[in-house]
């Protein structure tokens, strides 16, 4: 699940922003249902009947420039599934696969455990009490979001998941990371490791 709240400005909504809340992964069954990849912590509130979504699709898509309206949301076999008005069969659902869903957001609305990209950019990145870089930008991918951290002359991709980025402290201007070994430092190559092992064996023999 995404930990960022994507925002794009839109004149159509008179200054309102939009939130990226999901992606349509595949058609499900024969009655127009689509499996969802969720980018929101509160799908029951987002996908209520009548909710209208702007679609992010290629220009060649028949849905380009159109919106969809939810008629039903449910969880089936552990998977979130959505039905839209006027999408009544599998063939219609297939035309929506890979579309990203955006919804109007009130300016004072905030998702739990989610942040706007601009709130993250520029924050210090802290590991074991030491600043190891700054957040340069945020990249969004279907599987997860990535923090692009500038560390020295390098840009390091840090998966923005709670296991690796457990704390975002906006008031302190930092994010705390607990990355796997090697993410922020060069690992010794095979020859160095071999030499170190031989040296240790030699010392033990002496």
C-alpha atoms as a PDB file:
ATOM      1  CA  UNK A   1       0.000   0.000   0.000  1.00  0.00           C
ATOM      2  CA  UNK A   2       1.199   3.453  -0.834  1.00  0.00           C
ATOM      3  CA  UNK A   3       2.450   5.639   2.042  1.00  0.00           C
ATOM      4  CA  UNK A   4       2.294   8.805  -0.009  1.00  0.00           C
ATOM      5  CA  UNK A   5      -0.641  10.941  -0.959  1.00  0.00           C
ATOM      6  CA  UNK A   6      -0.288  11.957  -4.588  1.00  0.00           C
ATOM      7  CA  UNK A   7      -1.597  15.358  -5.520  1.00  0.00           C
ATOM      8  CA  UNK A   8      -2.219  17.023  -8.858  1.00  0.00           C
ATOM      9  CA  UNK A   9      -3.799  20.446  -9.252  1.00  0.00           C
ATOM     10  CA  UNK A  10      -6.870  20.710 -11.442  1.00  0.00           C
ATOM     11  CA  UNK A  11      -8.591  23.845 -12.700  1.00  0.00           C
ATOM     12  CA  UNK A  12     -11.739  21.841 -13.340  1.00  0.00           C
ATOM     13  CA  UNK A  13     -12.260  21.473  -9.607  1.00  0.00           C
ATOM     14  CA  UNK A  14     -11.737  25.174  -8.873  1.00  0.00           C
ATOM     15  CA  UNK A  15      -8.488  24.846  -6.973  1.00  0.00           C
ATOM     16  CA  UNK A  16      -9.124  21.438  -5.423  1.00  0.00           C
ATOM     17  CA  UNK A  17      -6.503  18.722  -5.542  1.00  0.00           C
ATOM     18  CA  UNK A  18      -6.865  15.054  -6.333  1.00  0.00           C
ATOM     19  CA  UNK A  19      -5.646  11.960  -4.537  1.00  0.00           C
ATOM     20  CA  UNK A  20      -4.407   8.794  -6.221  1.00  0.00           C
ATOM     21  CA  UNK A  21      -6.390   6.058  -4.461  1.00  0.00           C
ATOM     22  CA  UNK A  22      -6.119   2.916  -6.556  1.00  0.00           C
ATOM     23  CA  UNK A  23      -5.198   1.074  -9.726  1.00  0.00           C
ATOM     24  CA  UNK A  24      -7.413  -1.366 -11.631  1.00  0.00           C
ATOM     25  CA  UNK A  25      -5.401  -4.573 -11.880  1.00  0.00           C
ATOM     26  CA  UNK A  26      -7.560  -7.075 -13.773  1.00  0.00           C
ATOM     27  CA  UNK A  27     -11.114  -7.969 -14.706  1.00  0.00           C
ATOM     28  CA  UNK A  28     -12.848 -10.275 -12.228  1.00  0.00           C
ATOM     29  CA  UNK A  29     -15.733 -12.528 -13.203  1.00  0.00           C
ATOM     30  CA  UNK A  30     -18.294 -11.840 -15.899  1.00  0.00           C
ATOM     31  CA  UNK A  31     -20.309  -8.940 -14.448  1.00  0.00           C
ATOM     32  CA  UNK A  32     -17.898  -6.032 -14.871  1.00  0.00           C
ATOM     33  CA  UNK A  33     -15.965  -6.341 -11.610  1.00  0.00           C
ATOM     34  CA  UNK A  34     -12.329  -5.250 -11.399  1.00  0.00           C
ATOM     35  CA  UNK A  35      -9.684  -6.159  -8.844  1.00  0.00           C
ATOM     36  CA  UNK A  36      -8.099  -3.154  -7.150  1.00  0.00           C
ATOM     37  CA  UNK A  37      -4.619  -2.304  -6.001  1.00  0.00           C
ATOM     38  CA  UNK A  38      -5.298   0.145  -3.184  1.00  0.00           C
ATOM     39  CA  UNK A  39      -3.331   3.336  -2.536  1.00  0.00           C
ATOM     40  CA  UNK A  40      -5.543   4.394   0.369  1.00  0.00           C
ATOM     41  CA  UNK A  41      -5.861   3.344   4.001  1.00  0.00           C
ATOM     42  CA  UNK A  42      -9.620   3.820   3.983  1.00  0.00           C
ATOM     43  CA  UNK A  43     -11.115   2.071   0.926  1.00  0.00           C
ATOM     44  CA  UNK A  44     -14.571   1.712   2.490  1.00  0.00           C
ATOM     45  CA  UNK A  45     -14.863   5.509   2.644  1.00  0.00           C
ATOM     46  CA  UNK A  46     -13.273   6.142  -0.746  1.00  0.00           C
ATOM     47  CA  UNK A  47     -15.216   3.564  -2.732  1.00  0.00           C
ATOM     48  CA  UNK A  48     -18.750   4.254  -1.512  1.00  0.00           C
ATOM     49  CA  UNK A  49     -21.560   3.927  -4.101  1.00  0.00           C
ATOM     50  CA  UNK A  50     -21.733   7.129  -6.119  1.00  0.00           C
ATOM     51  CA  UNK A  51     -18.059   8.058  -5.649  1.00  0.00           C
ATOM     52  CA  UNK A  52     -16.675   9.463  -8.889  1.00  0.00           C
ATOM     53  CA  UNK A  53     -13.097   8.959 -10.040  1.00  0.00           C
ATOM     54  CA  UNK A  54     -10.964  10.630 -12.669  1.00  0.00           C
ATOM     55  CA  UNK A  55      -9.090   8.102 -14.797  1.00  0.00           C
ATOM     56  CA  UNK A  56      -5.397   8.188 -15.640  1.00  0.00           C
ATOM     57  CA  UNK A  57      -5.193   6.210 -18.877  1.00  0.00           C
ATOM     58  CA  UNK A  58      -3.264   6.463 -22.173  1.00  0.00           C
ATOM     59  CA  UNK A  59      -4.618   8.937 -24.719  1.00  0.00           C
ATOM     60  CA  UNK A  60      -5.501   6.039 -27.008  1.00  0.00           C
ATOM     61  CA  UNK A  61      -7.829   4.532 -24.383  1.00  0.00           C
ATOM     62  CA  UNK A  62     -11.588   4.885 -24.971  1.00  0.00           C
ATOM     63  CA  UNK A  63     -11.729   6.110 -21.351  1.00  0.00           C
ATOM     64  CA  UNK A  64      -9.339   9.022 -21.847  1.00  0.00           C
ATOM     65  CA  UNK A  65     -10.849  12.212 -20.421  1.00  0.00           C
ATOM     66  CA  UNK A  66     -13.744  10.331 -18.799  1.00  0.00           C
ATOM     67  CA  UNK A  67     -14.710   9.453 -15.238  1.00  0.00           C
ATOM     68  CA  UNK A  68     -16.207   6.365 -13.596  1.00  0.00           C
ATOM     69  CA  UNK A  69     -18.779   6.120 -10.794  1.00  0.00           C
ATOM     70  CA  UNK A  70     -18.769   3.351  -8.197  1.00  0.00           C
ATOM     71  CA  UNK A  71     -21.864   1.188  -7.920  1.00  0.00           C
ATOM     72  CA  UNK A  72     -20.430  -1.359  -5.481  1.00  0.00           C
ATOM     73  CA  UNK A  73     -17.250  -2.130  -3.560  1.00  0.00           C
ATOM     74  CA  UNK A  74     -16.580  -5.427  -1.820  1.00  0.00           C
ATOM     75  CA  UNK A  75     -13.799  -7.750  -0.685  1.00  0.00           C
ATOM     76  CA  UNK A  76     -13.872 -11.137  -2.391  1.00  0.00           C
ATOM     77  CA  UNK A  77     -11.523 -13.916  -1.277  1.00  0.00           C
ATOM     78  CA  UNK A  78      -9.359 -11.305   0.415  1.00  0.00           C
ATOM     79  CA  UNK A  79      -9.141  -9.111  -2.709  1.00  0.00           C
ATOM     80  CA  UNK A  80     -10.706  -5.644  -3.026  1.00  0.00           C
ATOM     81  CA  UNK A  81     -13.103  -5.545  -5.978  1.00  0.00           C
ATOM     82  CA  UNK A  82     -15.045  -2.635  -7.458  1.00  0.00           C
ATOM     83  CA  UNK A  83     -18.012  -2.381  -9.824  1.00  0.00           C
ATOM     84  CA  UNK A  84     -18.661   0.787 -11.854  1.00  0.00           C
ATOM     85  CA  UNK A  85     -21.845   2.147 -13.410  1.00  0.00           C
ATOM     86  CA  UNK A  86     -22.216   1.309 -17.093  1.00  0.00           C
ATOM     87  CA  UNK A  87     -19.521  -1.380 -16.877  1.00  0.00           C
ATOM     88  CA  UNK A  88     -21.658  -4.490 -16.868  1.00  0.00           C
ATOM     89  CA  UNK A  89     -19.551  -7.274 -18.371  1.00  0.00           C
ATOM     90  CA  UNK A  90     -16.019  -8.598 -18.512  1.00  0.00           C
ATOM     91  CA  UNK A  91     -15.375  -7.080 -21.926  1.00  0.00           C
ATOM     92  CA  UNK A  92     -16.132  -3.604 -20.589  1.00  0.00           C
ATOM     93  CA  UNK A  93     -14.008  -4.197 -17.491  1.00  0.00           C
ATOM     94  CA  UNK A  94     -11.032  -5.256 -19.622  1.00  0.00           C
ATOM     95  CA  UNK A  95     -10.943  -1.776 -21.205  1.00  0.00           C
ATOM     96  CA  UNK A  96     -10.240  -0.296 -17.762  1.00  0.00           C
ATOM     97  CA  UNK A  97      -7.385  -2.572 -16.726  1.00  0.00           C
ATOM     98  CA  UNK A  98      -4.270  -0.640 -15.583  1.00  0.00           C
ATOM     99  CA  UNK A  99      -6.217   2.618 -15.173  1.00  0.00           C
ATOM    100  CA  UNK A 100      -5.224   4.675 -12.112  1.00  0.00           C
ATOM    101  CA  UNK A 101      -8.042   6.216 -10.078  1.00  0.00           C
ATOM    102  CA  UNK A 102      -7.974   9.773  -8.734  1.00  0.00           C
ATOM    103  CA  UNK A 103     -10.574  11.445  -6.511  1.00  0.00           C
ATOM    104  CA  UNK A 104     -11.224  15.019  -5.449  1.00  0.00           C
ATOM    105  CA  UNK A 105      -9.674  15.951  -2.128  1.00  0.00           C
ATOM    106  CA  UNK A 106     -10.619  18.688   0.290  1.00  0.00           C
ATOM    107  CA  UNK A 107      -7.622  20.859   1.100  1.00  0.00           C
ATOM    108  CA  UNK A 108      -7.750  19.984   4.818  1.00  0.00           C
ATOM    109  CA  UNK A 109      -8.107  16.250   4.227  1.00  0.00           C
ATOM    110  CA  UNK A 110      -5.223  14.002   5.238  1.00  0.00           C
ATOM    111  CA  UNK A 111      -4.785  10.242   4.878  1.00  0.00           C
ATOM    112  CA  UNK A 112      -3.592   8.347   7.942  1.00  0.00           C
ATOM    113  CA  UNK A 113       0.088   7.385   7.736  1.00  0.00           C
ATOM    114  CA  UNK A 114       0.436   9.106   4.358  1.00  0.00           C
ATOM    115  CA  UNK A 115       2.241  12.235   3.240  1.00  0.00           C
ATOM    116  CA  UNK A 116       2.321  14.560   0.300  1.00  0.00           C
ATOM    117  CA  UNK A 117       5.423  14.305  -1.881  1.00  0.00           C
ATOM    118  CA  UNK A 118       6.351  17.924  -1.208  1.00  0.00           C
ATOM    119  CA  UNK A 119       6.314  17.245   2.549  1.00  0.00           C
ATOM    120  CA  UNK A 120       8.953  14.538   2.152  1.00  0.00           C
ATOM    121  CA  UNK A 121      11.338  16.268  -0.259  1.00  0.00           C
ATOM    122  CA  UNK A 122      14.230  17.889   1.600  1.00  0.00           C
ATOM    123  CA  UNK A 123      13.856  15.890   4.818  1.00  0.00           C
ATOM    124  CA  UNK A 124      17.019  14.532   6.422  1.00  0.00           C
ATOM    125  CA  UNK A 125      17.375  10.769   6.231  1.00  0.00           C
ATOM    126  CA  UNK A 126      18.648   9.372   9.532  1.00  0.00           C
ATOM    127  CA  UNK A 127      20.046   5.913  10.202  1.00  0.00           C
ATOM    128  CA  UNK A 128      21.265   4.900  13.674  1.00  0.00           C
ATOM    129  CA  UNK A 129      21.231   8.549  14.740  1.00  0.00           C
ATOM    130  CA  UNK A 130      23.393   9.693  11.805  1.00  0.00           C
ATOM    131  CA  UNK A 131      22.192  11.764   8.838  1.00  0.00           C
ATOM    132  CA  UNK A 132      22.996   9.740   5.716  1.00  0.00           C
ATOM    133  CA  UNK A 133      21.303  11.927   3.110  1.00  0.00           C
ATOM    134  CA  UNK A 134      18.263  13.960   2.110  1.00  0.00           C
ATOM    135  CA  UNK A 135      15.075  13.022   0.295  1.00  0.00           C
ATOM    136  CA  UNK A 136      15.506  14.348  -3.253  1.00  0.00           C
ATOM    137  CA  UNK A 137      12.189  13.180  -4.691  1.00  0.00           C
ATOM    138  CA  UNK A 138       9.533  10.462  -4.521  1.00  0.00           C
ATOM    139  CA  UNK A 139       8.957   7.941  -7.300  1.00  0.00           C
ATOM    140  CA  UNK A 140       5.643   6.099  -7.638  1.00  0.00           C
ATOM    141  CA  UNK A 141       5.461   2.545  -8.931  1.00  0.00           C
ATOM    142  CA  UNK A 142       2.576   0.063  -8.932  1.00  0.00           C
ATOM    143  CA  UNK A 143       4.172  -2.186  -6.316  1.00  0.00           C
ATOM    144  CA  UNK A 144       5.350   0.544  -3.940  1.00  0.00           C
ATOM    145  CA  UNK A 145       6.676   4.078  -3.632  1.00  0.00           C
ATOM    146  CA  UNK A 146      10.404   4.841  -3.486  1.00  0.00           C
ATOM    147  CA  UNK A 147      12.202   7.631  -1.672  1.00  0.00           C
ATOM    148  CA  UNK A 148      15.101   8.823  -3.824  1.00  0.00           C
ATOM    149  CA  UNK A 149      17.734   9.793  -1.271  1.00  0.00           C
ATOM    150  CA  UNK A 150      20.721  11.938  -2.235  1.00  0.00           C
ATOM    151  CA  UNK A 151      23.691  10.601  -0.259  1.00  0.00           C
ATOM    152  CA  UNK A 152      26.952  12.268  -1.226  1.00  0.00           C
ATOM    153  CA  UNK A 153      27.118  12.040  -5.020  1.00  0.00           C
ATOM    154  CA  UNK A 154      24.725   9.103  -5.224  1.00  0.00           C
ATOM    155  CA  UNK A 155      20.961   8.766  -5.523  1.00  0.00           C
ATOM    156  CA  UNK A 156      19.775   5.772  -3.494  1.00  0.00           C
ATOM    157  CA  UNK A 157      16.356   4.183  -3.960  1.00  0.00           C
ATOM    158  CA  UNK A 158      14.743   3.408  -0.602  1.00  0.00           C
ATOM    159  CA  UNK A 159      11.447   1.463  -0.594  1.00  0.00           C
ATOM    160  CA  UNK A 160       8.937   3.641   1.240  1.00  0.00           C
ATOM    161  CA  UNK A 161       7.518   0.849   3.369  1.00  0.00           C
ATOM    162  CA  UNK A 162       7.128   0.850   7.135  1.00  0.00           C
ATOM    163  CA  UNK A 163       9.689  -1.910   7.657  1.00  0.00           C
ATOM    164  CA  UNK A 164      12.426   0.272   6.107  1.00  0.00           C
ATOM    165  CA  UNK A 165      11.080   3.766   6.830  1.00  0.00           C
ATOM    166  CA  UNK A 166       9.338   3.339  10.193  1.00  0.00           C
ATOM    167  CA  UNK A 167       9.222   7.028  11.143  1.00  0.00           C
ATOM    168  CA  UNK A 168       8.386  10.231   9.293  1.00  0.00           C
ATOM    169  CA  UNK A 169       8.800  13.230  11.613  1.00  0.00           C
ATOM    170  CA  UNK A 170       7.810  16.341   9.716  1.00  0.00           C
ATOM    171  CA  UNK A 171       8.200  18.635  12.733  1.00  0.00           C
ATOM    172  CA  UNK A 172      11.811  17.470  13.193  1.00  0.00           C
ATOM    173  CA  UNK A 173      12.487  17.569   9.444  1.00  0.00           C
ATOM    174  CA  UNK A 174      13.594  13.965   9.171  1.00  0.00           C
ATOM    175  CA  UNK A 175      12.737  10.411   8.261  1.00  0.00           C
ATOM    176  CA  UNK A 176      14.281   7.505  10.140  1.00  0.00           C
ATOM    177  CA  UNK A 177      15.366   4.507   8.092  1.00  0.00           C
ATOM    178  CA  UNK A 178      16.306   0.958   9.051  1.00  0.00           C
ATOM    179  CA  UNK A 179      17.646  -0.257   5.695  1.00  0.00           C
ATOM    180  CA  UNK A 180      19.115  -3.666   4.916  1.00  0.00           C
ATOM    181  CA  UNK A 181      22.900  -3.940   4.981  1.00  0.00           C
ATOM    182  CA  UNK A 182      24.539  -2.458   1.909  1.00  0.00           C
ATOM    183  CA  UNK A 183      21.855   0.040   0.921  1.00  0.00           C
ATOM    184  CA  UNK A 184      23.876   3.077   2.055  1.00  0.00           C
ATOM    185  CA  UNK A 185      27.370   1.675   1.836  1.00  0.00           C
ATOM    186  CA  UNK A 186      29.495  -0.355  -0.511  1.00  0.00           C
ATOM    187  CA  UNK A 187      29.696  -3.998   0.429  1.00  0.00           C
ATOM    188  CA  UNK A 188      33.174  -5.602   0.258  1.00  0.00           C
ATOM    189  CA  UNK A 189      33.681  -7.414  -3.024  1.00  0.00           C
ATOM    190  CA  UNK A 190      34.432 -11.109  -3.222  1.00  0.00           C
ATOM    191  CA  UNK A 191      38.218 -10.663  -3.448  1.00  0.00           C
ATOM    192  CA  UNK A 192      38.301  -8.437  -0.351  1.00  0.00           C
ATOM    193  CA  UNK A 193      36.169 -10.903   1.572  1.00  0.00           C
ATOM    194  CA  UNK A 194      38.448 -13.760   0.512  1.00  0.00           C
ATOM    195  CA  UNK A 195      41.585 -11.861   1.500  1.00  0.00           C
ATOM    196  CA  UNK A 196      40.061 -10.972   4.851  1.00  0.00           C
ATOM    197  CA  UNK A 197      39.197 -14.611   5.430  1.00  0.00           C
ATOM    198  CA  UNK A 198      42.686 -15.779   4.487  1.00  0.00           C
ATOM    199  CA  UNK A 199      44.253 -13.151   6.738  1.00  0.00           C
ATOM    200  CA  UNK A 200      42.083 -14.274   9.627  1.00  0.00           C
ATOM    201  CA  UNK A 201      42.997 -17.918   9.045  1.00  0.00           C
ATOM    202  CA  UNK A 202      46.700 -16.992   8.894  1.00  0.00           C
ATOM    203  CA  UNK A 203      46.479 -15.060  12.141  1.00  0.00           C
ATOM    204  CA  UNK A 204      44.735 -17.958  13.813  1.00  0.00           C
ATOM    205  CA  UNK A 205      47.458 -20.350  12.619  1.00  0.00           C
ATOM    206  CA  UNK A 206      50.213 -18.071  13.897  1.00  0.00           C
END
